Amino acid sequence: MDARGTSLLLPVEIRTTDTSELHSVKVLLDSGATGSFIDRDLVCSKGMNTRTLSRNILVFNINGSHNEAGQISEVVDVVLQCKTHSKRMLLAVSRLGKQSLILGYDWLKDHNPKID
């Protein structure tokens, strides 16, 4: 576990549900994010298959402005394993800058992990 300031980075494994490929990544836990996201560059570099959403999702910054990465139009279907917690998830594909994966409030609410 790597804590920097108010960020918490955890090592996890994600397995794609269609090809069963396993990838080890570090995720940022972010209780301020309403959903969970995967970086577009990671998806492309690992050749992960995406699903197109029937309707795009608008993305807003904390100050209410539109996010420069644009709307979310795709998801990746994975099983995420973090220690003893495992969950099948649809991760929204977006540009995340320095982060590979962000787990938001949806994951934290379901798993209520103990974090020191």
C-alpha atoms as a PDB file:
ATOM      1  CA  MET A   1       0.000   0.000   0.000  1.00  0.00           C
ATOM      2  CA  ASP A   2       1.323   3.397  -0.961  1.00  0.00           C
ATOM      3  CA  ALA A   3      -0.134   6.529   0.603  1.00  0.00           C
ATOM      4  CA  ARG A   4       0.821   9.948  -0.774  1.00  0.00           C
ATOM      5  CA  GLY A   5      -0.895  12.916   0.796  1.00  0.00           C
ATOM      6  CA  THR A   6      -4.594  12.177   0.677  1.00  0.00           C
ATOM      7  CA  SER A   7      -4.235   9.562  -2.075  1.00  0.00           C
ATOM      8  CA  LEU A   8      -4.194   5.845  -1.464  1.00  0.00           C
ATOM      9  CA  LEU A   9      -2.720   3.555  -4.123  1.00  0.00           C
ATOM     10  CA  LEU A  10      -3.394  -0.177  -3.858  1.00  0.00           C
ATOM     11  CA  PRO A  11      -2.089  -3.046  -5.988  1.00  0.00           C
ATOM     12  CA  VAL A  12      -4.914  -5.043  -7.605  1.00  0.00           C
ATOM     13  CA  GLU A  13      -5.397  -7.573 -10.344  1.00  0.00           C
ATOM     14  CA  ILE A  14      -7.993  -7.241 -13.049  1.00  0.00           C
ATOM     15  CA  ARG A  15      -9.110 -10.127 -15.253  1.00  0.00           C
ATOM     16  CA  THR A  16     -11.016  -9.392 -18.435  1.00  0.00           C
ATOM     17  CA  THR A  17     -14.255 -11.340 -18.592  1.00  0.00           C
ATOM     18  CA  ASP A  18     -14.115 -12.015 -22.340  1.00  0.00           C
ATOM     19  CA  THR A  19     -10.477 -13.149 -22.755  1.00  0.00           C
ATOM     20  CA  SER A  20      -9.517 -13.938 -19.108  1.00  0.00           C
ATOM     21  CA  GLU A  21      -6.317 -11.899 -19.466  1.00  0.00           C
ATOM     22  CA  LEU A  22      -4.837 -10.940 -16.090  1.00  0.00           C
ATOM     23  CA  HIS A  23      -3.258  -7.529 -15.488  1.00  0.00           C
ATOM     24  CA  SER A  24      -1.656  -6.171 -12.318  1.00  0.00           C
ATOM     25  CA  VAL A  25      -2.230  -2.460 -11.771  1.00  0.00           C
ATOM     26  CA  LYS A  26      -2.161   0.100  -8.993  1.00  0.00           C
ATOM     27  CA  VAL A  27      -5.479   1.767  -8.322  1.00  0.00           C
ATOM     28  CA  LEU A  28      -6.270   5.077  -6.735  1.00  0.00           C
ATOM     29  CA  LEU A  29      -9.049   4.909  -4.138  1.00  0.00           C
ATOM     30  CA  ASP A  30     -11.095   8.078  -4.440  1.00  0.00           C
ATOM     31  CA  SER A  31     -14.200   8.453  -2.280  1.00  0.00           C
ATOM     32  CA  GLY A  32     -15.016  11.661  -4.165  1.00  0.00           C
ATOM     33  CA  ALA A  33     -15.442   9.817  -7.475  1.00  0.00           C
ATOM     34  CA  THR A  34     -18.994   8.562  -7.993  1.00  0.00           C
ATOM     35  CA  GLY A  35     -17.885   5.722 -10.282  1.00  0.00           C
ATOM     36  CA  SER A  36     -14.861   3.605 -11.180  1.00  0.00           C
ATOM     37  CA  PHE A  37     -12.674   4.301 -14.189  1.00  0.00           C
ATOM     38  CA  ILE A  38      -9.854   2.789 -16.259  1.00  0.00           C
ATOM     39  CA  ASP A  39      -7.373   4.789 -18.327  1.00  0.00           C
ATOM     40  CA  ARG A  40      -7.882   4.717 -22.098  1.00  0.00           C
ATOM     41  CA  ASP A  41      -4.122   4.338 -22.727  1.00  0.00           C
ATOM     42  CA  LEU A  42      -3.986   1.227 -20.488  1.00  0.00           C
ATOM     43  CA  VAL A  43      -6.993  -0.280 -22.296  1.00  0.00           C
ATOM     44  CA  CYS A  44      -5.316   0.315 -25.677  1.00  0.00           C
ATOM     45  CA  SER A  45      -1.833  -0.867 -24.640  1.00  0.00           C
ATOM     46  CA  LYS A  46      -3.218  -4.124 -23.172  1.00  0.00           C
ATOM     47  CA  GLY A  47      -5.586  -4.688 -26.099  1.00  0.00           C
ATOM     48  CA  MET A  48      -8.642  -4.881 -23.849  1.00  0.00           C
ATOM     49  CA  ASN A  49     -12.000  -5.179 -25.566  1.00  0.00           C
ATOM     50  CA  THR A  50     -14.526  -2.464 -24.800  1.00  0.00           C
ATOM     51  CA  ARG A  51     -18.299  -2.250 -24.993  1.00  0.00           C
ATOM     52  CA  THR A  52     -19.960   0.819 -26.440  1.00  0.00           C
ATOM     53  CA  LEU A  53     -22.576   2.418 -24.206  1.00  0.00           C
ATOM     54  CA  SER A  54     -26.030   3.048 -25.638  1.00  0.00           C
ATOM     55  CA  ARG A  55     -25.814   6.601 -24.281  1.00  0.00           C
ATOM     56  CA  ASN A  56     -22.684   8.636 -23.516  1.00  0.00           C
ATOM     57  CA  ILE A  57     -22.043   9.766 -19.933  1.00  0.00           C
ATOM     58  CA  LEU A  58     -21.139  13.402 -19.309  1.00  0.00           C
ATOM     59  CA  VAL A  59     -18.140  13.879 -17.002  1.00  0.00           C
ATOM     60  CA  PHE A  60     -17.857  16.882 -14.707  1.00  0.00           C
ATOM     61  CA  ASN A  61     -14.989  18.173 -12.599  1.00  0.00           C
ATOM     62  CA  ILE A  62     -15.431  18.947  -8.918  1.00  0.00           C
ATOM     63  CA  ASN A  63     -16.035  22.613  -9.783  1.00  0.00           C
ATOM     64  CA  GLY A  64     -18.908  21.700 -12.133  1.00  0.00           C
ATOM     65  CA  SER A  65     -17.039  22.305 -15.399  1.00  0.00           C
ATOM     66  CA  HIS A  66     -16.958  19.678 -18.154  1.00  0.00           C
ATOM     67  CA  ASN A  67     -13.963  17.344 -17.952  1.00  0.00           C
ATOM     68  CA  GLU A  68     -11.483  17.898 -20.803  1.00  0.00           C
ATOM     69  CA  ALA A  69     -11.318  14.107 -21.439  1.00  0.00           C
ATOM     70  CA  GLY A  70     -14.834  14.355 -22.804  1.00  0.00           C
ATOM     71  CA  GLN A  71     -17.797  12.041 -22.460  1.00  0.00           C
ATOM     72  CA  ILE A  72     -17.568   8.367 -21.559  1.00  0.00           C
ATOM     73  CA  SER A  73     -18.735   6.160 -24.413  1.00  0.00           C
ATOM     74  CA  GLU A  74     -17.143   2.798 -23.539  1.00  0.00           C
ATOM     75  CA  VAL A  75     -16.698   0.393 -20.639  1.00  0.00           C
ATOM     76  CA  VAL A  76     -14.454  -2.604 -19.930  1.00  0.00           C
ATOM     77  CA  ASP A  77     -15.911  -5.679 -18.211  1.00  0.00           C
ATOM     78  CA  VAL A  78     -13.463  -7.055 -15.602  1.00  0.00           C
ATOM     79  CA  VAL A  79     -13.233  -8.984 -12.370  1.00  0.00           C
ATOM     80  CA  LEU A  80     -11.238  -6.890  -9.926  1.00  0.00           C
ATOM     81  CA  GLN A  81      -9.383  -8.635  -7.087  1.00  0.00           C
ATOM     82  CA  CYS A  82      -8.060  -6.568  -4.163  1.00  0.00           C
ATOM     83  CA  LYS A  83      -6.774  -8.764  -1.365  1.00  0.00           C
ATOM     84  CA  THR A  84      -9.803 -10.877  -0.381  1.00  0.00           C
ATOM     85  CA  HIS A  85     -12.335  -8.617  -2.123  1.00  0.00           C
ATOM     86  CA  SER A  86     -13.423  -9.629  -5.599  1.00  0.00           C
ATOM     87  CA  LYS A  87     -16.043  -7.990  -7.806  1.00  0.00           C
ATOM     88  CA  ARG A  88     -17.139  -8.038 -11.409  1.00  0.00           C
ATOM     89  CA  MET A  89     -17.267  -4.446 -12.604  1.00  0.00           C
ATOM     90  CA  LEU A  90     -17.860  -2.340 -15.641  1.00  0.00           C
ATOM     91  CA  LEU A  91     -15.069   0.256 -15.623  1.00  0.00           C
ATOM     92  CA  ALA A  92     -15.716   3.486 -17.526  1.00  0.00           C
ATOM     93  CA  VAL A  93     -12.978   4.189 -20.073  1.00  0.00           C
ATOM     94  CA  SER A  94     -11.564   7.718 -19.868  1.00  0.00           C
ATOM     95  CA  ARG A  95      -8.269   9.588 -19.905  1.00  0.00           C
ATOM     96  CA  LEU A  96      -6.985   9.531 -16.323  1.00  0.00           C
ATOM     97  CA  GLY A  97      -3.604  11.213 -16.685  1.00  0.00           C
ATOM     98  CA  LYS A  98      -1.122   9.558 -14.312  1.00  0.00           C
ATOM     99  CA  GLN A  99      -3.618   7.022 -12.919  1.00  0.00           C
ATOM    100  CA  SER A 100      -4.283   3.587 -14.429  1.00  0.00           C
ATOM    101  CA  LEU A 101      -7.481   2.899 -12.546  1.00  0.00           C
ATOM    102  CA  ILE A 102      -9.680   4.803 -10.106  1.00  0.00           C
ATOM    103  CA  LEU A 103     -12.045   3.048  -7.719  1.00  0.00           C
ATOM    104  CA  GLY A 104     -14.734   5.398  -6.530  1.00  0.00           C
ATOM    105  CA  TYR A 105     -17.545   5.472  -4.040  1.00  0.00           C
ATOM    106  CA  ASP A 106     -19.408   2.620  -5.777  1.00  0.00           C
ATOM    107  CA  TRP A 107     -16.590   0.162  -4.966  1.00  0.00           C
ATOM    108  CA  LEU A 108     -15.916   1.561  -1.491  1.00  0.00           C
ATOM    109  CA  LYS A 109     -19.610   1.302  -0.553  1.00  0.00           C
ATOM    110  CA  ASP A 110     -19.806  -2.359  -1.617  1.00  0.00           C
ATOM    111  CA  HIS A 111     -16.558  -3.505  -0.024  1.00  0.00           C
ATOM    112  CA  ASN A 112     -16.046  -1.232   2.975  1.00  0.00           C
ATOM    113  CA  PRO A 113     -12.349  -2.066   3.167  1.00  0.00           C
ATOM    114  CA  LYS A 114     -10.343  -1.573   6.362  1.00  0.00           C
ATOM    115  CA  ILE A 115      -7.690   1.002   5.586  1.00  0.00           C
ATOM    116  CA  ASP A 116      -5.043   2.027   8.118  1.00  0.00           C
END
